[in-house]
Amino acid sequence: MLAVNGLYILAVHPAVSAKSVSDLIALAKASPGKLNASIAGAGTPTHLGLEQYKAMAGVSIAAINYKGAAPAATGLLSGETQIMFVSMPMVISQAQAGKLRALAGTGASHIDGINGELRKVLAQPDVKERMLTLGAEIVASSPQEFGAFMKSEIAKWGKVVREAWIKAE
């Protein structure tokens, strides 16, 4: 039984000019590889959120790996990094104080909003063309379709990992 969902936000350092998710996508596209993001370790929700965002938006943002969420948030607060997908309780007081800017958050209504923005970006002809040249097909699924996809991928690749005795290093 699922009792609660953790809430995450997409936060940026105040020096970042982006005021919305669309602005951040445009900024990242205008200067590929110039933005970097704090992650709290490989495979953590902060890392997976970043990777999903990069894939859906078709942008290049470097992941800077910290040893935990607190050091990763400190990296964002200090301006070492510009972006972080982070647990809301971790940075909400800093966002309210203007030390960070929250661009988006998780939760049913927030997810639909982010999905709508990403669909608009992915529908742009230059984005479609760029994705094709990178060998990627735009899907722009709904949150529900993405959930079903993830469930099937976890089952498929989990079986491969177990049968091949693959271990994380």
Foldseek 3Di string as FASTA:
>chain_A
DDDDDFKKFKKFFLVDPDQALLSVLVVQVVPAAPAEAEDQAPPDPFNVVVVVSCVLSVGHYHYDYDNGDQVRVVCRLVVVGTITTHGCVNCVVVCVVVSMPTHFMDDVVRLQVVLVSSVVSCPDPVNCVVCVVVVHHRDSDRPVVVVVVVVVVCVVVVVVCVVVVDDDD
